[in-house]
């Protein structure tokens, strides 16, 4: 009887537990399987492979997402022999979300991302190239995830 009493009290005490992710509205991409994505500007290889994972395949054709990427490189530190010792990359993502139902722009946002790299100038350097590629990958995925997080509390049925 004591065992059943302990189990009963345990179940009773856990009845008011609320889970953090019980409301999954922030966990779901509202554009998933509903969006035709078009990119323009700088050709970023990783972005084209990441977009299908983030937006799925276009089944409902409710939205068109235009992503224009502008890239700018700035030499932040130049040595006496004119070799660059610090290079800053700035990626400017311009997002335009268009509703096919309402035939209007629903959401427009510019998100700026940047990173720096210290290139090695002793011929071909695999470490620098791999590091640059990884920084591009992290910056692009972070920027796209920021865009999705901006949409989480936004009404996509209302024109701008």
Protein backbone atom coordinates (compact mmCIF):
# COMPACT_ATOMS: atom_id res chain seq x y z
CA UNK A 1 0.00 0.00 0.00
CA UNK A 2 2.88 2.35 0.75
CA UNK A 3 4.32 1.81 -2.75
CA UNK A 4 1.00 2.71 -4.41
CA UNK A 5 0.68 5.78 -2.22
CA UNK A 6 4.15 7.00 -3.24
CA UNK A 7 3.38 6.41 -6.95
CA UNK A 8 0.04 8.20 -6.60
CA UNK A 9 1.65 11.22 -4.90
CA UNK A 10 4.41 11.31 -7.54
CA UNK A 11 1.90 11.33 -10.41
CA UNK A 12 -0.21 13.92 -8.63
CA UNK A 13 2.78 16.21 -8.05
CA UNK A 14 3.81 16.03 -11.73
CA UNK A 15 0.38 16.93 -13.12
CA UNK A 16 1.12 20.65 -13.46
CA UNK A 17 4.43 20.35 -15.32
CA UNK A 18 4.51 22.46 -18.47
CA UNK A 19 7.06 21.66 -21.11
CA UNK A 20 9.06 24.46 -22.71
CA UNK A 21 8.41 23.30 -26.26
CA UNK A 22 4.72 22.49 -25.86
CA UNK A 23 3.87 25.49 -28.07
CA UNK A 24 5.73 24.60 -31.25
CA UNK A 25 4.92 27.79 -33.19
CA UNK A 26 8.51 29.03 -32.83
CA UNK A 27 9.97 25.68 -33.84
CA UNK A 28 8.34 25.45 -37.24
CA UNK A 29 9.45 27.34 -40.32
CA UNK A 30 6.25 29.01 -41.61
CA UNK A 31 7.62 28.91 -45.17
CA UNK A 32 8.49 25.20 -45.23
CA UNK A 33 7.11 23.44 -48.35
CA UNK A 34 5.25 26.64 -49.33
CA UNK A 35 7.95 28.76 -50.92
CA UNK A 36 9.70 29.11 -54.25
CA UNK A 37 13.17 30.48 -53.42
CA UNK A 38 15.20 32.47 -55.95
CA UNK A 39 18.73 33.71 -55.27
CA UNK A 40 20.71 36.43 -57.02
CA UNK A 41 23.89 38.37 -56.51
CA UNK A 42 27.01 36.65 -55.21
CA UNK A 43 27.15 32.95 -55.97
CA UNK A 44 27.53 31.27 -52.60
CA UNK A 45 27.75 27.52 -53.15
CA UNK A 46 26.84 26.51 -49.61
CA UNK A 47 23.67 28.62 -49.64
CA UNK A 48 22.26 26.76 -52.64
CA UNK A 49 22.77 23.43 -50.85
CA UNK A 50 21.32 24.72 -47.54
CA UNK A 51 18.12 26.25 -48.95
CA UNK A 52 16.31 22.93 -49.72
CA UNK A 53 16.92 21.76 -46.15
CA UNK A 54 15.53 24.99 -44.72
CA UNK A 55 12.56 25.56 -47.04
CA UNK A 56 11.78 22.04 -48.30
CA UNK A 57 10.31 21.48 -51.72
CA UNK A 58 7.70 23.86 -53.02
CA UNK A 59 4.36 22.00 -52.78
CA UNK A 60 1.79 24.72 -52.11
CA UNK A 61 3.37 27.62 -54.05
CA UNK A 62 2.03 30.18 -51.57
CA UNK A 63 5.11 32.42 -51.44
CA UNK A 64 8.06 33.57 -53.50
CA UNK A 65 11.24 34.42 -51.59
CA UNK A 66 13.83 36.53 -53.38
CA UNK A 67 17.27 36.52 -51.76
CA UNK A 68 19.84 38.95 -53.11
CA UNK A 69 23.35 38.60 -51.66
CA UNK A 70 25.95 41.33 -51.97
CA UNK A 71 29.51 40.62 -50.88
CA UNK A 72 32.20 43.16 -50.05
CA UNK A 73 35.79 42.43 -49.08
CA UNK A 74 37.79 45.02 -47.16
CA UNK A 75 41.49 44.88 -46.47
CA UNK A 76 41.74 45.83 -42.82
CA UNK A 77 45.47 45.47 -42.41
CA UNK A 78 48.11 45.74 -45.13
CA UNK A 79 51.76 45.04 -44.43
CA UNK A 80 54.76 46.93 -45.84
CA UNK A 81 55.11 44.47 -48.75
CA UNK A 82 51.43 45.13 -49.63
CA UNK A 83 50.35 41.66 -48.46
CA UNK A 84 46.98 41.60 -46.74
CA UNK A 85 47.22 40.38 -43.17
CA UNK A 86 43.54 40.80 -42.22
CA UNK A 87 40.60 40.59 -44.60
CA UNK A 88 37.00 41.42 -43.65
CA UNK A 89 34.06 39.93 -45.54
CA UNK A 90 30.68 41.63 -45.37
CA UNK A 91 27.63 39.74 -46.68
CA UNK A 92 24.45 41.76 -47.14
CA UNK A 93 21.33 39.59 -47.55
CA UNK A 94 18.22 41.33 -48.92
CA UNK A 95 15.10 39.21 -48.39
CA UNK A 96 11.82 39.94 -50.15
CA UNK A 97 8.87 37.65 -49.42
CA UNK A 98 5.97 37.87 -51.87
CA UNK A 99 2.55 36.29 -51.30
CA UNK A 100 1.10 34.59 -54.39
CA UNK A 101 -2.42 34.65 -52.87
CA UNK A 102 -2.52 38.40 -52.26
CA UNK A 103 -0.01 39.29 -54.99
CA UNK A 104 1.91 41.67 -52.72
CA UNK A 105 5.10 42.00 -50.69
CA UNK A 106 4.55 40.51 -47.25
CA UNK A 107 7.97 40.96 -45.68
CA UNK A 108 11.16 42.76 -46.63
CA UNK A 109 14.35 42.64 -44.57
CA UNK A 110 18.05 43.28 -44.94
CA UNK A 111 20.36 41.28 -42.67
CA UNK A 112 24.06 42.06 -42.54
CA UNK A 113 26.63 39.41 -41.62
CA UNK A 114 30.39 39.71 -41.53
CA UNK A 115 33.51 37.82 -40.59
CA UNK A 116 37.27 38.32 -40.75
CA UNK A 117 40.07 36.04 -41.86
CA UNK A 118 43.84 36.20 -41.68
CA UNK A 119 45.11 34.85 -45.01
CA UNK A 120 48.47 33.14 -45.33
CA UNK A 121 50.46 34.35 -48.32
CA UNK A 122 52.94 31.48 -48.71
CA UNK A 123 51.44 29.97 -51.86
CA UNK A 124 48.44 27.65 -51.74
CA UNK A 125 47.28 27.24 -48.17
CA UNK A 126 44.67 24.56 -47.57
CA UNK A 127 44.09 25.70 -43.98
CA UNK A 128 43.15 29.23 -45.02
CA UNK A 129 40.85 27.98 -47.79
CA UNK A 130 39.12 25.49 -45.47
CA UNK A 131 38.75 28.15 -42.79
CA UNK A 132 37.26 30.62 -45.27
CA UNK A 133 34.83 27.99 -46.55
CA UNK A 134 33.74 27.12 -42.99
CA UNK A 135 33.24 30.79 -42.11
CA UNK A 136 31.07 31.26 -45.23
CA UNK A 137 29.05 28.20 -44.22
CA UNK A 138 28.50 29.40 -40.64
CA UNK A 139 27.67 32.95 -41.71
CA UNK A 140 25.15 31.87 -44.35
CA UNK A 141 23.35 29.38 -42.09
CA UNK A 142 23.24 31.92 -39.25
CA UNK A 143 21.84 34.62 -41.55
CA UNK A 144 19.14 32.34 -42.97
CA UNK A 145 18.17 31.18 -39.47
CA UNK A 146 17.94 34.82 -38.34
CA UNK A 147 15.54 35.47 -41.21
CA UNK A 148 13.35 32.53 -40.20
CA UNK A 149 13.34 33.72 -36.58
CA UNK A 150 12.13 37.17 -37.71
CA UNK A 151 9.16 35.46 -39.38
CA UNK A 152 8.15 33.45 -36.29
CA UNK A 153 5.92 36.17 -34.84
CA UNK A 154 4.97 37.83 -38.11
CA UNK A 155 1.56 37.62 -39.83
CA UNK A 156 2.29 36.27 -43.32
CA UNK A 157 -1.27 36.90 -44.57
CA UNK A 158 -1.01 40.67 -44.30
CA UNK A 159 0.51 42.85 -47.01
CA UNK A 160 3.17 45.38 -46.15
